[in-house]
Amino acid sequence: MTITQSVRRRPSRPVIALAAGAGFVVFWSSGFIGAGWGTRYTTAFDLLGWRFLVAGLLGALILSIRRPQLTRRDLVTQVWMAVLTQFVYLGAIFTGIDHGITAGVTALIGSLQPLVIATVAGPLLGEPVNRRQWIGLVVGLAGVALVVADDLNAGHGSLLLFLIPLGGLLALVGGTCLDRRRPSTVSSFDALCVQSMVSGVLFVTLAATTSQLTVPTEPGFYGAVLWLVLLATGGGWGLYLVNLKLSGATRVSSLLYLVPPTTMLLAYFVLDESIGALAVVGMLVCAVAVLLITLRTWRNPDG
């Protein structure tokens, strides 16, 4: 096989971006399922403490083997990323689930990120949003509204509970902007390890100081922890960082529109939550919205 033939067989960047985006949606959605699963056995802070205790130990082990060169600036950036996108965001989301919000509704909170990112992406990040993308953002919001309306009509949760994870959403937006404003030489894999270690310290300390750190005896709890560590942290957060590098803040955030419908599908099979007709229509609308915003990215990631 010649070098030319080998290069031709490598996946193109648009294909990689498409695969990374699809994987991100599935793995990110799995986090809401793991939260609903794990909080059946204990509190949100206890679950998060165990999740990031395991993830942090794995991260420390991996970094001790890889020994990446990390500058002080890189470490400061990753610490703040951990505080904003994991500690604050996940703490708020899991608390909302702990207070009765279903997986589909909590996924809605994160899916509102594209509209917030779009309003600041131009002046802060140098990522102008064109008219087609704005149309896609509005269409996506309509699709999300249909998905959530179906969930609320079924009597799941209350609109007032949105106030709990709203601060988490803003923290996630802040972390996304920070990552784009302070580009790091750290690989996505090493960044995930550092952030997991920081979050492990924060969540274990929070659970311990609030007297919520326990040692559950139910095997299902530890199944949820492994689910969250492998799928949500390794897959979801890892691909979140990868997609930020590949596609930018606005376009990767638009993929969050696919999270509520995907979460509802997963919840149907894993948590036995129902899916109504409005939710199905909303899923299709969300898919159209993401195509409007990101199709050009997959064709030409630099344009």
Protein backbone atom coordinates (compact mmCIF):
# COMPACT_ATOMS: atom_id res chain seq x y z
CA MET A 1 0.00 0.00 0.00
CA THR A 2 1.45 3.40 -0.98
CA ILE A 3 1.46 6.47 1.24
CA THR A 4 -1.05 8.10 -1.11
CA GLN A 5 -3.45 5.19 -0.79
CA SER A 6 -3.07 5.22 3.00
CA VAL A 7 -3.91 8.92 3.16
CA ARG A 8 -6.94 8.44 0.93
CA ARG A 9 -8.35 5.83 3.27
CA ARG A 10 -8.16 8.10 6.31
CA PRO A 11 -11.49 9.62 7.33
CA SER A 12 -11.88 13.22 6.20
CA ARG A 13 -12.29 15.97 8.77
CA PRO A 14 -16.01 16.51 7.96
CA VAL A 15 -16.62 12.79 8.55
CA ILE A 16 -14.73 12.97 11.84
CA ALA A 17 -16.73 16.06 12.87
CA LEU A 18 -20.00 14.30 12.00
CA ALA A 19 -19.05 11.18 13.96
CA ALA A 20 -17.83 13.23 16.92
CA GLY A 21 -21.08 15.21 16.93
CA ALA A 22 -23.30 12.13 16.81
CA GLY A 23 -21.31 10.43 19.55
CA PHE A 24 -21.47 13.55 21.69
CA VAL A 25 -25.27 13.67 21.52
CA VAL A 26 -25.67 10.04 22.59
CA PHE A 27 -23.08 10.10 25.37
CA TRP A 28 -24.14 13.52 26.69
CA SER A 29 -27.74 12.29 26.86
CA SER A 30 -26.60 9.25 28.82
CA GLY A 31 -25.62 11.54 31.68
CA PHE A 32 -29.25 12.49 32.34
CA ILE A 33 -30.18 8.81 32.34
CA GLY A 34 -27.42 8.01 34.81
CA ALA A 35 -28.58 10.86 37.03
CA GLY A 36 -32.15 9.59 37.06
CA TRP A 37 -30.91 6.06 37.73
CA GLY A 38 -28.46 6.93 40.49
CA THR A 39 -30.67 9.36 42.41
CA ARG A 40 -33.15 6.54 42.96
CA TYR A 41 -30.69 5.23 45.55
CA THR A 42 -29.15 8.35 47.12
CA THR A 43 -28.84 12.14 46.91
CA ALA A 44 -27.43 14.07 43.96
CA PHE A 45 -24.30 15.18 45.82
CA ASP A 46 -23.55 11.65 47.02
CA LEU A 47 -23.91 10.31 43.48
CA LEU A 48 -21.71 13.06 42.04
CA GLY A 49 -19.14 12.50 44.77
CA TRP A 50 -18.83 8.83 43.85
CA ARG A 51 -18.90 9.52 40.12
CA PHE A 52 -16.00 11.94 40.22
CA LEU A 53 -14.11 10.06 42.90
CA VAL A 54 -13.84 7.18 40.44
CA ALA A 55 -13.31 9.44 37.42
CA GLY A 56 -10.72 11.52 39.28
CA LEU A 57 -8.72 8.49 40.37
CA LEU A 58 -8.74 7.18 36.80
CA GLY A 59 -7.67 10.61 35.57
CA ALA A 60 -4.79 10.74 38.07
CA LEU A 61 -3.63 7.27 37.02
CA ILE A 62 -3.74 8.16 33.33
CA LEU A 63 -1.86 11.44 33.83
CA SER A 64 0.82 9.68 35.90
CA ILE A 65 1.42 7.38 32.93
CA ARG A 66 1.18 9.96 30.14
CA ARG A 67 3.03 12.76 32.02
CA PRO A 68 1.86 15.59 29.73
CA GLN A 69 3.60 18.97 29.81
CA LEU A 70 1.11 21.32 31.48
CA THR A 71 1.81 25.01 31.90
CA ARG A 72 0.48 27.03 34.81
CA ARG A 73 -1.88 28.84 32.44
CA ASP A 74 -3.23 25.54 31.16
CA LEU A 75 -3.82 24.26 34.70
CA VAL A 76 -5.66 27.44 35.71
CA THR A 77 -7.87 27.19 32.63
CA GLN A 78 -8.70 23.52 33.28
CA VAL A 79 -9.48 24.18 36.94
CA TRP A 80 -11.95 26.90 35.99
CA MET A 81 -13.43 24.67 33.29
CA ALA A 82 -13.99 21.97 35.93
CA VAL A 83 -15.64 24.46 38.30
CA LEU A 84 -17.98 25.90 35.68
CA THR A 85 -18.83 23.02 33.34
CA GLN A 86 -18.82 20.18 35.85
CA PHE A 87 -19.11 21.31 39.46
CA VAL A 88 -21.67 24.11 39.04
CA TYR A 89 -23.48 22.80 35.96
CA LEU A 90 -23.79 19.17 37.01
CA GLY A 91 -24.46 20.08 40.62
CA ALA A 92 -27.47 22.14 39.52
CA ILE A 93 -28.71 19.58 36.98
CA PHE A 94 -28.47 16.64 39.37
CA THR A 95 -30.12 18.66 42.13
CA GLY A 96 -33.03 19.37 39.80
CA ILE A 97 -33.39 15.67 39.02
CA ASP A 98 -33.16 14.91 42.72
CA HIS A 99 -36.15 17.23 43.25
CA GLY A 100 -38.34 15.48 40.70
CA ILE A 101 -37.51 16.89 37.27
CA THR A 102 -37.52 14.07 34.71
CA ALA A 103 -34.58 13.25 32.46
CA GLY A 104 -36.20 14.82 29.39
CA VAL A 105 -36.97 18.11 31.11
CA THR A 106 -33.52 18.47 32.64
CA ALA A 107 -32.03 17.87 29.22
CA LEU A 108 -34.02 20.90 28.06
CA ILE A 109 -31.98 23.19 30.27
CA GLY A 110 -28.75 22.33 28.51
CA SER A 111 -30.38 22.51 25.11
CA LEU A 112 -31.15 26.20 25.65
CA GLN A 113 -27.40 26.85 25.54
CA PRO A 114 -27.27 27.49 21.75
CA LEU A 115 -29.42 30.62 22.03
CA VAL A 116 -27.28 31.97 24.86
CA ILE A 117 -24.04 31.10 23.07
CA ALA A 118 -25.29 32.66 19.82
CA THR A 119 -25.91 36.01 21.50
CA VAL A 120 -22.33 36.21 22.77
CA ALA A 121 -20.41 34.15 20.20
CA GLY A 122 -19.97 37.01 17.76
CA PRO A 123 -18.57 39.76 20.00
CA LEU A 124 -16.73 37.50 22.46
CA LEU A 125 -15.57 34.52 20.44
CA GLY A 126 -15.30 35.84 16.90
CA GLU A 127 -17.86 33.28 15.68
CA PRO A 128 -20.54 35.32 13.85
CA VAL A 129 -23.93 33.68 13.49
CA ASN A 130 -25.50 34.00 10.05
CA ARG A 131 -29.21 34.27 9.26
CA ARG A 132 -29.58 30.59 8.39
CA GLN A 133 -28.08 29.62 11.73
CA TRP A 134 -30.37 32.02 13.60
CA ILE A 135 -33.36 30.39 11.87
CA GLY A 136 -32.03 27.01 12.94
CA LEU A 137 -31.64 28.19 16.54
CA VAL A 138 -35.25 29.40 16.68
CA VAL A 139 -36.54 26.22 15.00
CA GLY A 140 -34.56 24.15 17.49
CA LEU A 141 -36.06 26.05 20.40
CA ALA A 142 -39.52 25.30 19.00
CA GLY A 143 -38.67 21.60 18.74
CA VAL A 144 -37.42 21.53 22.32
CA ALA A 145 -40.59 23.29 23.46
CA LEU A 146 -42.69 20.53 21.85
CA VAL A 147 -40.65 17.81 23.56
CA VAL A 148 -40.95 19.45 26.96
CA ALA A 149 -44.62 20.36 26.52
CA ASP A 150 -45.34 16.69 26.04
CA ASP A 151 -43.45 15.88 29.24
CA LEU A 152 -45.18 18.60 31.26
CA ASN A 153 -48.62 17.60 29.95
CA ALA A 154 -47.94 14.16 31.39
CA GLY A 155 -47.60 15.78 34.82
CA HIS A 156 -43.82 15.46 35.16
CA GLY A 157 -42.21 18.30 37.06
CA SER A 158 -42.98 22.02 37.28
CA LEU A 159 -41.77 25.06 35.36
CA LEU A 160 -40.57 26.58 38.64
CA LEU A 161 -37.97 23.84 38.92
CA PHE A 162 -36.19 25.38 35.94
CA LEU A 163 -34.81 27.93 38.40
CA ILE A 164 -32.63 25.24 40.00
CA PRO A 165 -30.55 24.27 36.95
CA LEU A 166 -30.70 27.70 35.30
CA GLY A 167 -27.53 28.78 37.08
CA GLY A 168 -25.92 25.57 35.90
CA LEU A 169 -26.76 26.42 32.30
CA LEU A 170 -25.10 29.83 32.64
CA ALA A 171 -22.02 28.17 34.12
CA LEU A 172 -21.82 25.78 31.17
CA VAL A 173 -22.03 28.73 28.79
CA GLY A 174 -19.30 30.49 30.75
CA GLY A 175 -17.06 27.44 30.57
CA THR A 176 -17.65 27.08 26.84
CA CYS A 177 -16.69 30.70 26.24
CA LEU A 178 -13.64 30.32 28.48
CA ASP A 179 -12.42 27.34 26.47
CA ARG A 180 -12.71 29.31 23.24
CA ARG A 181 -11.20 32.51 24.65
CA ARG A 182 -8.22 30.76 26.26
CA PRO A 183 -7.15 28.08 23.77
CA SER A 184 -4.94 25.51 25.44
CA THR A 185 -2.17 23.27 24.17
CA VAL A 186 -3.51 20.49 26.40
CA SER A 187 -5.14 17.60 24.51
CA SER A 188 -8.84 16.97 25.07
CA PHE A 189 -7.98 13.68 26.76
CA ASP A 190 -5.54 15.24 29.25
CA ALA A 191 -7.92 18.15 29.88
CA LEU A 192 -10.68 15.69 30.77
CA CYS A 193 -8.38 13.92 33.23
CA VAL A 194 -7.41 17.18 34.95
CA GLN A 195 -11.01 18.36 35.14
CA SER A 196 -12.14 15.02 36.57
CA MET A 197 -9.54 15.24 39.31
CA VAL A 198 -10.59 18.77 40.24
CA SER A 199 -14.29 17.85 40.20
CA GLY A 200 -13.57 14.78 42.31
CA VAL A 201 -12.07 16.92 45.06
CA LEU A 202 -14.91 19.45 44.88
CA PHE A 203 -17.83 16.99 44.84
CA VAL A 204 -16.42 14.66 47.52
CA THR A 205 -15.76 17.66 49.75
CA LEU A 206 -19.26 19.02 49.14
CA ALA A 207 -20.92 15.67 49.85
CA ALA A 208 -18.84 15.15 53.00
CA THR A 209 -19.38 18.64 54.43
CA THR A 210 -23.14 18.40 53.87
CA SER A 211 -23.26 14.94 55.52
CA GLN A 212 -24.46 13.33 52.28
CA LEU A 213 -21.44 11.14 51.53
CA THR A 214 -22.50 7.53 52.12
CA VAL A 215 -21.57 3.98 51.12
CA PRO A 216 -24.74 2.64 49.44
CA THR A 217 -25.27 -1.11 49.51
CA GLU A 218 -27.49 -1.44 46.43
CA PRO A 219 -25.64 -2.87 43.40
CA GLY A 220 -27.76 -0.66 41.13
CA PHE A 221 -26.12 2.45 42.58
CA TYR A 222 -22.67 1.34 41.53
CA GLY A 223 -24.03 0.41 38.13
CA ALA A 224 -25.19 4.01 37.78
CA VAL A 225 -21.77 5.28 38.88
CA LEU A 226 -20.00 3.18 36.25
CA TRP A 227 -22.53 4.30 33.64
CA LEU A 228 -21.79 7.95 34.47
CA VAL A 229 -18.03 7.53 34.57
CA LEU A 230 -17.68 5.58 31.33
CA LEU A 231 -20.48 7.02 29.19
CA ALA A 232 -21.20 10.51 30.54
CA THR A 233 -17.74 11.60 31.73
CA GLY A 234 -15.50 9.67 29.36
CA GLY A 235 -17.78 9.83 26.34
CA GLY A 236 -19.94 12.91 26.88
CA TRP A 237 -17.46 15.38 28.36
CA GLY A 238 -14.59 14.00 26.31
CA LEU A 239 -16.45 14.50 23.03
CA TYR A 240 -17.69 17.90 24.22
CA LEU A 241 -14.07 19.07 24.38
CA VAL A 242 -13.26 17.40 21.05
CA ASN A 243 -16.22 19.07 19.32
CA LEU A 244 -15.26 22.48 20.70
CA LYS A 245 -11.92 22.15 18.95
CA LEU A 246 -13.45 20.81 15.72
CA SER A 247 -16.51 22.99 15.22
CA GLY A 248 -16.57 25.97 17.58
CA ALA A 249 -18.91 27.01 20.36
CA THR A 250 -22.02 27.95 18.38
CA ARG A 251 -22.14 24.82 16.23
CA VAL A 252 -21.30 22.32 18.93
CA SER A 253 -23.87 23.97 21.20
CA SER A 254 -26.51 23.48 18.52
CA LEU A 255 -26.08 19.72 18.93
CA LEU A 256 -27.60 20.12 22.38
CA TYR A 257 -30.96 20.54 20.67
CA LEU A 258 -30.79 16.82 19.94
CA VAL A 259 -30.18 15.96 23.60
CA PRO A 260 -33.78 16.21 24.95
CA PRO A 261 -35.30 13.89 22.31
CA THR A 262 -32.34 11.51 22.55
CA THR A 263 -32.62 11.51 26.33
CA MET A 264 -36.32 10.72 26.09
CA LEU A 265 -35.60 7.78 23.82
CA LEU A 266 -32.98 6.44 26.23
CA ALA A 267 -35.27 7.08 29.20
CA TYR A 268 -38.01 5.09 27.46
CA PHE A 269 -35.80 2.00 27.34
CA VAL A 270 -33.74 2.45 30.52
CA LEU A 271 -36.02 4.30 32.96
CA ASP A 272 -39.39 3.21 31.53
CA GLU A 273 -40.48 6.80 30.85
CA SER A 274 -43.16 7.30 28.19
CA ILE A 275 -42.91 9.24 24.90
CA GLY A 276 -45.91 11.12 23.53
CA ALA A 277 -46.88 12.30 20.06
CA LEU A 278 -45.71 15.87 20.68
CA ALA A 279 -42.30 14.59 21.70
CA VAL A 280 -41.95 12.66 18.45
CA VAL A 281 -42.78 15.78 16.41
CA GLY A 282 -40.33 17.77 18.53
CA MET A 283 -37.56 15.27 17.81
CA LEU A 284 -38.02 15.72 14.06
CA VAL A 285 -38.05 19.52 14.40
CA CYS A 286 -34.83 19.41 16.44
CA ALA A 287 -33.16 17.30 13.77
CA VAL A 288 -34.05 19.88 11.10
CA ALA A 289 -32.70 22.68 13.30
CA VAL A 290 -29.34 21.00 13.80
CA LEU A 291 -29.00 20.42 10.06
CA LEU A 292 -29.66 24.12 9.42
CA ILE A 293 -26.95 25.15 11.85
CA THR A 294 -24.27 22.52 11.35
CA LEU A 295 -24.51 21.03 7.86
CA ARG A 296 -22.07 23.56 6.47
CA THR A 297 -19.71 22.77 9.36
CA TRP A 298 -19.59 19.10 8.44
CA ARG A 299 -18.94 19.99 4.81
CA ASN A 300 -16.37 22.64 5.62
CA PRO A 301 -15.43 22.80 9.31
CA ASP A 302 -13.34 25.92 8.77
CA GLY A 303 -16.13 27.87 7.08
